[in-house]
Amino acid sequence: MSAIPALVSAPSAASSFAAPAAATTLPFGQEFEDKVMTMLLVNNRFARLMASEIKPEHFLDQQNRISAEHIISYLTKYRHCPDFKVIVRDYIARDKRVPKAEWRDYAVKLQAHALRVVVDQDYVRDRLIEWTRNQAWLALVMQAPTFIDNGRIAELERRAKQVMTIGEQGAANDEIDYWATATDRRKRREAIASGSIVRGVSTGFAEIDKHLAKKGWGRGELSLILAPTKRGKTAMMLQSGLLASASCGVKVLFVSLEVDDEVATDRMDAALTGYAIDDLMGNAADVEAAVNAMAAAPGRGQFWFVQRPTNTLTPAGLEAILDRMADEGKVPDVVYVDYLGIMKTRPEHRYEDLGHSAKELRRIGGERDIAMVSGYQTNRDGLAKQVSTAADMGDSFLPAQDCDLMLSLNADEAELRMGVRRIHWALVRNGPAVTVKVQSDLSRGRLIDSVIGVTL
């Protein structure tokens, strides 16, 4: 991410915006304050949770204070973390308190916040919640005699309950007044159309993204790729994560319960370079050079691969992986679990356990603001069908109840011989069903080598 061009070439003196009394500001120092700013810019769950609790006057640094005011305003309207460039261009640049000569200062500082890695996010969140709750208690205690003298005991009790729920999910006045928010919805839609708000995580395939409501995998949602055995689920997920990381700046975690890292990276190297998997060994130096060139490209994301044995991964185990990575400053945008059907289940309770795992994957995605994607196999009937649907799911239908999107991979015998697949929107929570016909080349690790046509 580069600094915003054409703002101002040199920093200038600080503005005269007055600092609030020290008693109202965050007591944990400049480093802590900067971490809070970072989390307001990049951590959607934290931002939504704390937007109504954090006040601009809590920030001692005057640039943080003005920026926080606009970030909180943005969050209140759009319920999504803003791009720091949008805050500078559409908010800071229109704030009469901020001279034009200081715009670049704000841009540089906000960019630093956006790029900072906060490895102790849970600690920052807990300390901030504790502090805001204590501040609210102190304010309420000071007001209590007035409430009591005026016989407003019920209101005092109500406010005490509100203080107790600070930092809890749903405690921050998140009800939406439909009739009063038409203008907010228009602004949100315009921001999405302009690209100021990106609600989804790119699949890596432009022709898939354009037909998805979130223009990618939905954050906080569970998406499933349904296909018969050995028909391309893993290939599609690997290629999707690879392209999203290479071209869209997406941070990807791929958790494999089936293929090992050598097989997976061979497929990815082939998909990236265009060499057939069988030809990688004879072109090892060229492949290395191509991958290293892409690794050095600006705007590239991350791709982390983790392998676990079949029938060992639980939702809690996945959370442990994510927690360990977060401690190292590695926070993915999307997690691929390859695949749901071979996560750990009890033989006698397999049907229920698969449903539970799907619910937990969706919960993890929602709590961490991550897109969750996994594969799922069809039953024997689905193997012979022209188009497989949720009715053809193997083992358990319960995951269908919790997934937000299901794409099925389809091909009859003639299509298989020609390397053709049809990707069908088997279940979709938002938007119409679509079928995208693609040319595949699995010898080069590409489930989608080119798009042949689209049927709406």
Protein backbone atom coordinates (compact mmCIF):
# COMPACT_ATOMS: atom_id res chain seq x y z
CA MET A 1 0.00 0.00 0.00
CA SER A 2 1.51 3.31 -1.04
CA ALA A 3 1.12 6.72 0.50
CA ILE A 4 -1.63 8.90 -0.92
CA PRO A 5 -0.25 11.01 -3.77
CA ALA A 6 -0.94 14.68 -4.34
CA LEU A 7 -1.76 15.59 -0.78
CA VAL A 8 1.12 17.78 0.43
CA SER A 9 4.82 17.16 0.07
CA ALA A 10 6.00 18.12 3.54
CA PRO A 11 4.64 17.78 7.09
CA SER A 12 3.67 20.88 9.00
CA ALA A 13 3.05 22.02 12.54
CA ALA A 14 0.30 20.39 14.57
CA SER A 15 -3.15 21.91 14.49
CA SER A 16 -4.54 23.90 17.38
CA PHE A 17 -7.37 21.47 18.10
CA ALA A 18 -7.44 21.49 21.90
CA ALA A 19 -6.68 18.35 23.88
CA PRO A 20 -9.28 17.19 26.37
CA ALA A 21 -8.64 16.90 30.07
CA ALA A 22 -6.14 14.13 30.83
CA ALA A 23 -8.64 12.30 33.03
CA THR A 24 -10.74 11.39 29.98
CA THR A 25 -7.94 10.01 27.81
CA LEU A 26 -6.67 6.47 27.45
CA PRO A 27 -4.26 5.84 30.34
CA PHE A 28 -2.07 3.24 28.63
CA GLY A 29 0.32 5.44 26.65
CA GLN A 30 0.94 6.38 23.03
CA GLU A 31 1.76 2.85 21.87
CA PHE A 32 -1.54 1.51 23.20
CA GLU A 33 -3.44 4.41 21.65
CA ASP A 34 -1.85 3.71 18.27
CA LYS A 35 -2.81 0.03 18.53
CA VAL A 36 -6.43 1.03 19.17
CA MET A 37 -6.31 3.20 16.04
CA THR A 38 -4.97 0.26 14.03
CA MET A 39 -7.71 -2.03 15.24
CA LEU A 40 -10.38 0.55 14.39
CA LEU A 41 -9.01 0.58 10.85
CA VAL A 42 -8.45 -3.14 10.23
CA ASN A 43 -10.37 -5.28 12.73
CA ASN A 44 -14.05 -5.24 11.79
CA ARG A 45 -15.24 -7.20 14.80
CA PHE A 46 -13.38 -4.97 17.26
CA ALA A 47 -14.48 -1.82 15.44
CA ARG A 48 -18.16 -2.77 15.43
CA LEU A 49 -17.98 -3.81 19.07
CA MET A 50 -16.24 -0.69 20.33
CA ALA A 51 -17.44 2.07 17.96
CA SER A 52 -20.12 3.22 20.40
CA GLU A 53 -17.83 2.96 23.44
CA ILE A 54 -14.71 4.77 22.19
CA LYS A 55 -14.98 8.54 22.09
CA PRO A 56 -12.70 10.91 20.15
CA GLU A 57 -11.84 12.70 23.39
CA HIS A 58 -10.30 9.47 24.71
CA PHE A 59 -7.30 10.02 22.42
CA LEU A 60 -4.55 12.32 23.68
CA ASP A 61 -2.81 12.58 20.29
CA GLN A 62 -4.72 15.29 18.44
CA GLN A 63 -4.38 13.68 15.00
CA ASN A 64 -5.59 10.38 16.38
CA ARG A 65 -8.46 12.21 18.05
CA ILE A 66 -9.74 13.87 14.87
CA SER A 67 -9.12 10.75 12.78
CA ALA A 68 -10.93 8.59 15.36
CA GLU A 69 -13.93 10.91 15.22
CA HIS A 70 -14.25 10.36 11.48
CA ILE A 71 -13.51 6.62 11.65
CA ILE A 72 -16.23 6.19 14.29
CA SER A 73 -18.65 8.21 12.14
CA TYR A 74 -17.85 5.97 9.17
CA LEU A 75 -18.29 2.81 11.25
CA THR A 76 -21.64 4.01 12.55
CA LYS A 77 -22.90 4.52 9.00
CA TYR A 78 -21.37 1.56 7.19
CA ARG A 79 -20.60 -0.98 9.96
CA HIS A 80 -17.32 -1.79 8.23
CA CYS A 81 -13.73 -0.68 8.68
CA PRO A 82 -12.81 2.13 6.27
CA ASP A 83 -9.91 2.37 3.87
CA PHE A 84 -7.60 4.94 5.42
CA LYS A 85 -7.41 6.73 2.07
CA VAL A 86 -11.18 7.28 2.20
CA ILE A 87 -10.88 8.84 5.66
CA VAL A 88 -8.25 11.29 4.41
CA ARG A 89 -9.92 12.12 1.10
CA ASP A 90 -13.58 12.30 2.16
CA TYR A 91 -13.37 13.26 5.82
CA ILE A 92 -10.07 14.84 6.87
CA ALA A 93 -9.86 16.93 3.70
CA ARG A 94 -13.34 18.33 4.43
CA ASP A 95 -12.75 19.00 8.12
CA LYS A 96 -12.38 22.75 8.64
CA ARG A 97 -10.28 22.11 11.75
CA VAL A 98 -7.54 20.56 9.64
CA PRO A 99 -5.52 22.94 7.42
CA LYS A 100 -4.70 21.68 3.94
CA ALA A 101 -1.01 21.77 4.84
CA GLU A 102 -1.64 18.98 7.37
CA TRP A 103 -3.49 16.54 5.10
CA ARG A 104 -0.32 14.67 4.24
CA ASP A 105 0.57 14.35 7.94
CA TYR A 106 -2.77 12.68 8.55
CA ALA A 107 -2.36 10.43 5.50
CA VAL A 108 1.07 9.27 6.62
CA LYS A 109 -0.10 8.61 10.16
CA LEU A 110 -3.25 6.75 9.10
CA GLN A 111 -1.26 4.65 6.65
CA ALA A 112 1.11 3.70 9.48
CA HIS A 113 -1.88 2.69 11.59
CA ALA A 114 -3.35 0.63 8.75
CA LEU A 115 -0.08 -1.25 8.14
CA ARG A 116 0.82 -1.85 11.79
CA VAL A 117 0.70 -5.45 13.00
CA VAL A 118 -0.89 -5.72 16.45
CA VAL A 119 0.13 -9.09 17.86
CA ASP A 120 -1.69 -8.64 21.20
CA GLN A 121 -5.13 -7.69 19.88
CA ASP A 122 -7.01 -9.65 22.55
CA TYR A 123 -5.05 -7.87 25.29
CA VAL A 124 -5.72 -4.45 23.76
CA ARG A 125 -9.42 -5.23 23.42
CA ASP A 126 -9.74 -6.50 27.01
CA ARG A 127 -7.86 -3.55 28.51
CA LEU A 128 -9.93 -1.10 26.50
CA ILE A 129 -13.21 -2.75 27.51
CA GLU A 130 -12.10 -2.75 31.15
CA TRP A 131 -11.18 0.93 30.99
CA THR A 132 -14.37 2.06 29.22
CA ARG A 133 -16.48 0.06 31.67
CA ASN A 134 -14.67 1.62 34.64
CA GLN A 135 -15.16 5.10 33.17
CA ALA A 136 -18.86 4.42 32.72
CA TRP A 137 -19.16 3.18 36.32
CA LEU A 138 -17.42 6.30 37.64
CA ALA A 139 -19.77 8.55 35.66
CA LEU A 140 -22.81 6.62 36.84
CA VAL A 141 -21.71 6.69 40.48
CA MET A 142 -21.38 10.46 40.28
CA GLN A 143 -24.87 10.73 38.79
CA ALA A 144 -26.48 8.23 41.17
CA PRO A 145 -27.42 10.73 43.95
CA THR A 146 -29.35 12.83 41.43
CA PHE A 147 -31.24 9.78 40.14
CA ILE A 148 -32.07 8.71 43.71
CA ASP A 149 -33.14 12.20 44.83
CA ASN A 150 -35.49 12.46 41.85
CA GLY A 151 -36.93 8.98 42.34
CA ARG A 152 -35.47 7.68 39.08
CA ILE A 153 -34.37 4.33 40.49
CA ALA A 154 -35.59 2.34 37.48
CA GLU A 155 -33.50 4.47 35.13
CA LEU A 156 -30.48 4.07 37.40
CA GLU A 157 -30.90 0.30 37.29
CA ARG A 158 -31.27 0.36 33.50
CA ARG A 159 -28.08 2.36 33.09
CA ALA A 160 -26.23 0.05 35.46
CA LYS A 161 -27.23 -2.92 33.28
CA GLN A 162 -25.96 -1.07 30.22
CA VAL A 163 -22.59 -0.50 31.89
CA MET A 164 -22.34 -4.18 32.79
CA THR A 165 -22.77 -5.18 29.14
CA ILE A 166 -20.11 -2.86 27.71
CA GLY A 167 -17.90 -4.93 25.43
CA GLU A 168 -20.36 -7.79 25.11
CA GLN A 169 -21.72 -8.83 21.75
CA GLY A 170 -24.78 -6.82 20.85
CA ALA A 171 -24.44 -4.37 23.73
CA ALA A 172 -23.55 -1.35 21.63
CA ASN A 173 -26.92 -0.02 20.40
CA ASP A 174 -26.72 -2.00 17.18
CA GLU A 175 -30.43 -2.05 16.42
CA ILE A 176 -31.25 -0.53 13.04
CA ASP A 177 -34.19 1.84 12.52
CA TYR A 178 -35.32 0.89 9.04
CA TRP A 179 -37.42 3.99 8.33
CA ALA A 180 -34.77 6.41 9.55
CA THR A 181 -31.80 4.93 7.70
CA ALA A 182 -32.68 5.14 3.98
CA THR A 183 -29.97 7.77 3.44
CA ASP A 184 -27.39 5.62 5.22
CA ARG A 185 -28.27 2.69 2.97
CA ARG A 186 -27.89 4.84 -0.13
CA LYS A 187 -24.46 6.00 1.02
CA ARG A 188 -23.44 2.44 1.85
CA ARG A 189 -24.50 1.20 -1.59
CA GLU A 190 -22.71 4.05 -3.32
CA ALA A 191 -19.57 3.32 -1.29
CA ILE A 192 -19.74 -0.37 -2.25
CA ALA A 193 -20.28 0.52 -5.92
CA SER A 194 -17.31 2.89 -5.89
CA GLY A 195 -15.04 0.35 -4.20
CA SER A 196 -14.66 2.40 -1.01
CA ILE A 197 -16.17 -0.52 0.88
CA VAL A 198 -15.05 -4.04 0.03
CA ARG A 199 -17.37 -6.46 1.78
CA GLY A 200 -16.02 -9.74 0.50
CA VAL A 201 -12.70 -11.51 0.06
CA SER A 202 -11.89 -12.10 -3.60
CA THR A 203 -12.13 -15.69 -4.81
CA GLY A 204 -9.26 -14.88 -7.16
CA PHE A 205 -11.59 -15.39 -10.13
CA ALA A 206 -13.12 -12.17 -11.48
CA GLU A 207 -15.93 -14.05 -13.24
CA ILE A 208 -16.92 -15.70 -9.95
CA ASP A 209 -16.58 -12.53 -7.85
CA LYS A 210 -18.84 -10.46 -10.12
CA HIS A 211 -21.77 -12.83 -9.53
CA LEU A 212 -21.43 -12.96 -5.73
CA ALA A 213 -23.36 -10.57 -3.50
CA LYS A 214 -20.21 -9.68 -1.55
CA LYS A 215 -18.04 -9.70 -4.71
CA GLY A 216 -16.08 -12.53 -3.16
CA TRP A 217 -16.31 -14.97 -0.27
CA GLY A 218 -18.36 -13.31 2.48
CA ARG A 219 -16.56 -12.40 5.70
CA GLY A 220 -18.19 -14.09 8.66
CA GLU A 221 -19.85 -16.55 6.30
CA LEU A 222 -19.35 -20.21 5.41
CA SER A 223 -19.05 -21.10 1.73
CA LEU A 224 -18.97 -24.71 0.53
CA ILE A 225 -17.69 -26.21 -2.72
CA LEU A 226 -19.72 -29.35 -3.49
CA ALA A 227 -18.43 -31.99 -5.88
CA PRO A 228 -18.10 -35.76 -6.30
CA THR A 229 -14.86 -37.30 -5.17
CA LYS A 230 -11.78 -36.36 -7.24
CA ARG A 231 -13.65 -33.74 -9.27
CA GLY A 232 -11.70 -30.59 -8.34
CA LYS A 233 -12.66 -29.31 -4.89
CA THR A 234 -9.07 -29.09 -3.69
CA ALA A 235 -7.84 -27.75 -7.03
CA MET A 236 -10.41 -24.95 -6.97
CA MET A 237 -9.63 -23.96 -3.37
CA LEU A 238 -5.86 -24.00 -3.93
CA GLN A 239 -6.13 -22.00 -7.15
CA SER A 240 -8.61 -19.59 -5.57
CA GLY A 241 -6.34 -18.90 -2.61
CA LEU A 242 -3.27 -18.63 -4.84
CA LEU A 243 -4.78 -16.09 -7.24
CA ALA A 244 -6.41 -14.05 -4.48
CA SER A 245 -3.07 -13.87 -2.67
CA ALA A 246 -1.05 -13.14 -5.80
CA SER A 247 -3.30 -10.57 -7.44
CA CYS A 248 -5.67 -9.18 -4.83
CA GLY A 249 -3.51 -8.78 -1.71
CA VAL A 250 -5.56 -11.39 0.20
CA LYS A 251 -4.07 -13.15 3.24
CA VAL A 252 -4.90 -16.84 2.94
CA LEU A 253 -4.72 -19.74 5.38
CA PHE A 254 -5.13 -23.17 3.76
CA VAL A 255 -5.65 -26.02 6.22
CA SER A 256 -5.26 -29.34 4.46
CA LEU A 257 -6.60 -32.58 5.88
CA GLU A 258 -5.93 -34.51 2.69
CA VAL A 259 -3.00 -33.45 0.47
CA ASP A 260 0.46 -32.73 1.84
CA ASP A 261 2.46 -29.58 1.27
CA GLU A 262 4.51 -31.05 -1.58
CA VAL A 263 1.42 -32.01 -3.58
CA ALA A 264 -0.31 -28.71 -2.80
CA THR A 265 2.66 -26.51 -3.69
CA ASP A 266 3.32 -28.48 -6.88
CA ARG A 267 -0.25 -27.76 -7.96
CA MET A 268 0.15 -24.09 -7.06
CA ASP A 269 3.49 -23.75 -8.85
CA ALA A 270 1.92 -25.28 -11.94
CA ALA A 271 -1.13 -23.03 -11.77
CA LEU A 272 1.05 -19.94 -11.32
CA THR A 273 3.64 -20.67 -14.00
CA GLY A 274 1.65 -22.58 -16.60
CA TYR A 275 3.99 -25.59 -16.52
CA ALA A 276 2.37 -28.99 -16.27
CA ILE A 277 2.84 -30.58 -12.88
CA ASP A 278 4.87 -33.36 -14.51
CA ASP A 279 7.21 -30.77 -16.06
CA LEU A 280 8.02 -28.86 -12.86
CA MET A 281 11.08 -30.93 -12.07
CA GLY A 282 12.63 -30.33 -15.47
CA ASN A 283 12.03 -26.58 -15.19
CA ALA A 284 12.80 -26.12 -11.51
CA ALA A 285 14.94 -22.98 -11.94
CA ASP A 286 12.37 -21.22 -14.13
CA VAL A 287 9.59 -22.09 -11.70
CA GLU A 288 11.60 -20.77 -8.77
CA ALA A 289 12.29 -17.51 -10.61
CA ALA A 290 8.62 -17.04 -11.53
CA VAL A 291 7.41 -17.64 -7.97
CA ASN A 292 10.08 -15.34 -6.50
CA ALA A 293 9.15 -12.62 -8.99
CA MET A 294 5.52 -12.84 -7.92
CA ALA A 295 6.55 -12.90 -4.25
CA ALA A 296 8.34 -9.58 -4.75
CA ALA A 297 5.46 -7.94 -6.62
CA PRO A 298 3.80 -4.95 -4.94
CA GLY A 299 0.41 -5.58 -3.41
CA ARG A 300 0.94 -9.31 -3.00
CA GLY A 301 -0.89 -10.95 -0.11
CA GLN A 302 0.10 -13.99 1.95
CA PHE A 303 -0.50 -17.72 1.64
CA TRP A 304 0.03 -19.95 4.68
CA PHE A 305 -0.32 -23.73 4.43
CA VAL A 306 -0.99 -25.95 7.45
CA GLN A 307 -1.43 -29.71 7.31
CA ARG A 308 -3.26 -31.90 9.82
CA PRO A 309 -4.04 -35.62 9.56
CA THR A 310 -7.47 -36.68 8.35
CA ASN A 311 -10.12 -36.96 11.09
CA THR A 312 -8.09 -34.99 13.66
CA LEU A 313 -9.00 -31.33 13.14
CA THR A 314 -11.73 -29.93 15.35
CA PRO A 315 -13.11 -26.37 15.35
CA ALA A 316 -11.19 -25.80 18.59
CA GLY A 317 -8.03 -27.03 16.88
CA LEU A 318 -8.58 -24.56 14.05
CA GLU A 319 -9.02 -21.76 16.60
CA ALA A 320 -5.73 -22.80 18.21
CA ILE A 321 -4.01 -22.45 14.83
CA LEU A 322 -5.55 -19.01 14.32
CA ASP A 323 -4.60 -17.90 17.85
CA ARG A 324 -0.99 -18.99 17.37
CA MET A 325 -0.80 -17.20 14.06
CA ALA A 326 -2.34 -14.05 15.55
CA ASP A 327 0.38 -14.06 18.21
CA GLU A 328 2.87 -13.91 15.32
CA GLY A 329 1.01 -11.08 13.58
CA LYS A 330 -0.49 -13.38 10.92
CA VAL A 331 -4.22 -12.72 10.55
CA PRO A 332 -5.85 -14.24 7.44
CA ASP A 333 -8.72 -12.77 5.44
CA VAL A 334 -9.93 -16.20 4.36
CA VAL A 335 -9.50 -19.73 5.69
CA TYR A 336 -9.86 -22.76 3.41
CA VAL A 337 -10.45 -26.05 5.24
CA ASP A 338 -9.88 -28.96 2.88
CA TYR A 339 -12.33 -30.30 3.72
CA LEU A 340 -15.29 -30.33 6.11
CA GLY A 341 -16.17 -33.97 5.52
CA ILE A 342 -12.84 -35.20 6.92
CA MET A 343 -12.75 -33.02 10.02
CA LYS A 344 -12.90 -35.03 13.23
CA THR A 345 -16.22 -36.75 13.90
CA ARG A 346 -17.40 -39.57 16.14
CA PRO A 347 -18.41 -42.62 14.08
CA GLU A 348 -21.71 -43.01 15.89
CA HIS A 349 -22.56 -39.30 15.65
CA ARG A 350 -21.11 -38.37 12.27
CA TYR A 351 -24.32 -36.78 10.93
CA GLU A 352 -24.67 -34.42 13.92
CA ASP A 353 -20.93 -33.73 14.23
CA LEU A 354 -20.67 -32.52 10.64
CA GLY A 355 -23.51 -30.11 11.30
CA HIS A 356 -21.83 -28.93 14.49
CA SER A 357 -18.52 -28.38 12.68
CA ALA A 358 -20.26 -26.29 10.00
CA LYS A 359 -21.89 -24.14 12.68
CA GLU A 360 -18.55 -23.70 14.43
CA LEU A 361 -16.73 -22.74 11.23
CA ARG A 362 -19.35 -20.09 10.62
CA ARG A 363 -19.06 -18.87 14.22
CA ILE A 364 -15.26 -18.64 13.99
CA GLY A 365 -15.58 -16.68 10.77
CA GLY A 366 -18.11 -14.32 12.33
CA GLU A 367 -16.15 -13.70 15.51
CA ARG A 368 -12.88 -13.12 13.67
CA ASP A 369 -14.32 -11.41 10.57
CA ILE A 370 -12.82 -14.09 8.31
CA ALA A 371 -14.32 -15.73 5.22
CA MET A 372 -14.57 -19.49 5.76
CA VAL A 373 -14.49 -21.84 2.77
CA SER A 374 -14.55 -25.62 2.69
CA GLY A 375 -15.29 -28.53 0.40
CA TYR A 376 -18.01 -31.14 0.67
CA GLN A 377 -18.58 -34.37 -1.22
CA THR A 378 -21.74 -35.46 -2.99
CA ASN A 379 -23.34 -38.82 -2.41
CA ARG A 380 -23.37 -41.51 -5.10
CA ASP A 381 -26.44 -40.02 -6.78
CA GLY A 382 -24.63 -36.71 -7.18
CA LEU A 383 -21.86 -38.44 -9.13
CA ALA A 384 -24.22 -39.18 -11.99
CA LYS A 385 -26.21 -35.95 -12.00
CA GLN A 386 -25.84 -33.18 -14.56
CA VAL A 387 -26.12 -30.61 -11.75
CA SER A 388 -25.60 -31.52 -8.12
CA THR A 389 -27.44 -29.60 -5.43
CA ALA A 390 -27.70 -29.59 -1.67
CA ALA A 391 -30.01 -32.59 -1.97
CA ASP A 392 -26.99 -34.58 -3.20
CA MET A 393 -24.75 -33.86 -0.21
CA GLY A 394 -23.08 -36.92 1.25
CA ASP A 395 -22.97 -37.96 4.93
CA SER A 396 -25.05 -35.10 6.37
CA PHE A 397 -27.39 -32.42 5.07
CA LEU A 398 -26.94 -30.29 8.20
CA PRO A 399 -24.01 -28.18 6.84
CA ALA A 400 -26.35 -26.87 4.14
CA GLN A 401 -28.41 -25.18 6.85
CA ASP A 402 -25.46 -23.04 7.94
CA CYS A 403 -23.65 -22.28 4.70
CA ASP A 404 -24.29 -18.96 3.00
CA LEU A 405 -23.09 -20.06 -0.41
CA MET A 406 -22.68 -23.46 -2.04
CA LEU A 407 -20.99 -23.83 -5.42
CA SER A 408 -21.25 -27.23 -7.06
CA LEU A 409 -18.72 -28.51 -9.60
CA ASN A 410 -20.41 -30.47 -12.39
CA ALA A 411 -19.34 -32.38 -15.50
CA ASP A 412 -20.75 -35.26 -17.49
CA GLU A 413 -18.49 -37.84 -19.12
CA ALA A 414 -18.18 -35.93 -22.39
CA GLU A 415 -17.29 -32.72 -20.54
CA LEU A 416 -14.72 -34.55 -18.41
CA ARG A 417 -13.00 -35.79 -21.56
CA MET A 418 -12.86 -32.20 -22.85
CA GLY A 419 -11.74 -30.79 -19.50
CA VAL A 420 -14.93 -28.78 -19.03
CA ARG A 421 -16.62 -27.99 -15.69
CA ARG A 422 -19.85 -26.20 -14.83
CA ILE A 423 -19.78 -24.23 -11.58
CA HIS A 424 -23.36 -23.89 -10.36
CA TRP A 425 -24.72 -21.74 -7.54
CA ALA A 426 -26.37 -24.67 -5.73
CA LEU A 427 -27.37 -22.61 -2.69
CA VAL A 428 -27.11 -18.86 -2.34
CA ARG A 429 -28.38 -16.77 0.54
CA ASN A 430 -28.21 -13.50 -1.39
CA GLY A 431 -28.53 -13.16 -5.15
CA PRO A 432 -29.69 -15.26 -8.10
CA ALA A 433 -28.44 -18.69 -9.13
CA VAL A 434 -25.73 -18.64 -11.80
CA THR A 435 -23.87 -21.27 -13.77
CA VAL A 436 -20.35 -20.51 -15.03
CA LYS A 437 -18.94 -22.89 -17.64
CA VAL A 438 -15.15 -23.14 -17.54
CA GLN A 439 -12.28 -24.88 -19.27
CA SER A 440 -10.16 -26.77 -16.76
CA ASP A 441 -6.57 -27.95 -16.99
CA LEU A 442 -5.91 -30.01 -13.89
CA SER A 443 -2.55 -31.10 -15.32
CA ARG A 444 -1.49 -27.52 -14.52
CA GLY A 445 -3.46 -27.26 -11.28
CA ARG A 446 -6.13 -25.05 -12.82
CA LEU A 447 -9.76 -25.82 -12.14
CA ILE A 448 -10.50 -22.60 -14.01
CA ASP A 449 -8.15 -22.08 -16.95
CA SER A 450 -10.63 -19.93 -18.86
CA VAL A 451 -14.32 -19.02 -18.77
CA ILE A 452 -16.40 -20.39 -21.63
CA GLY A 453 -19.76 -18.87 -20.77
CA VAL A 454 -22.21 -17.76 -18.09
CA THR A 455 -25.87 -18.70 -17.70
CA LEU A 456 -28.01 -16.49 -15.46
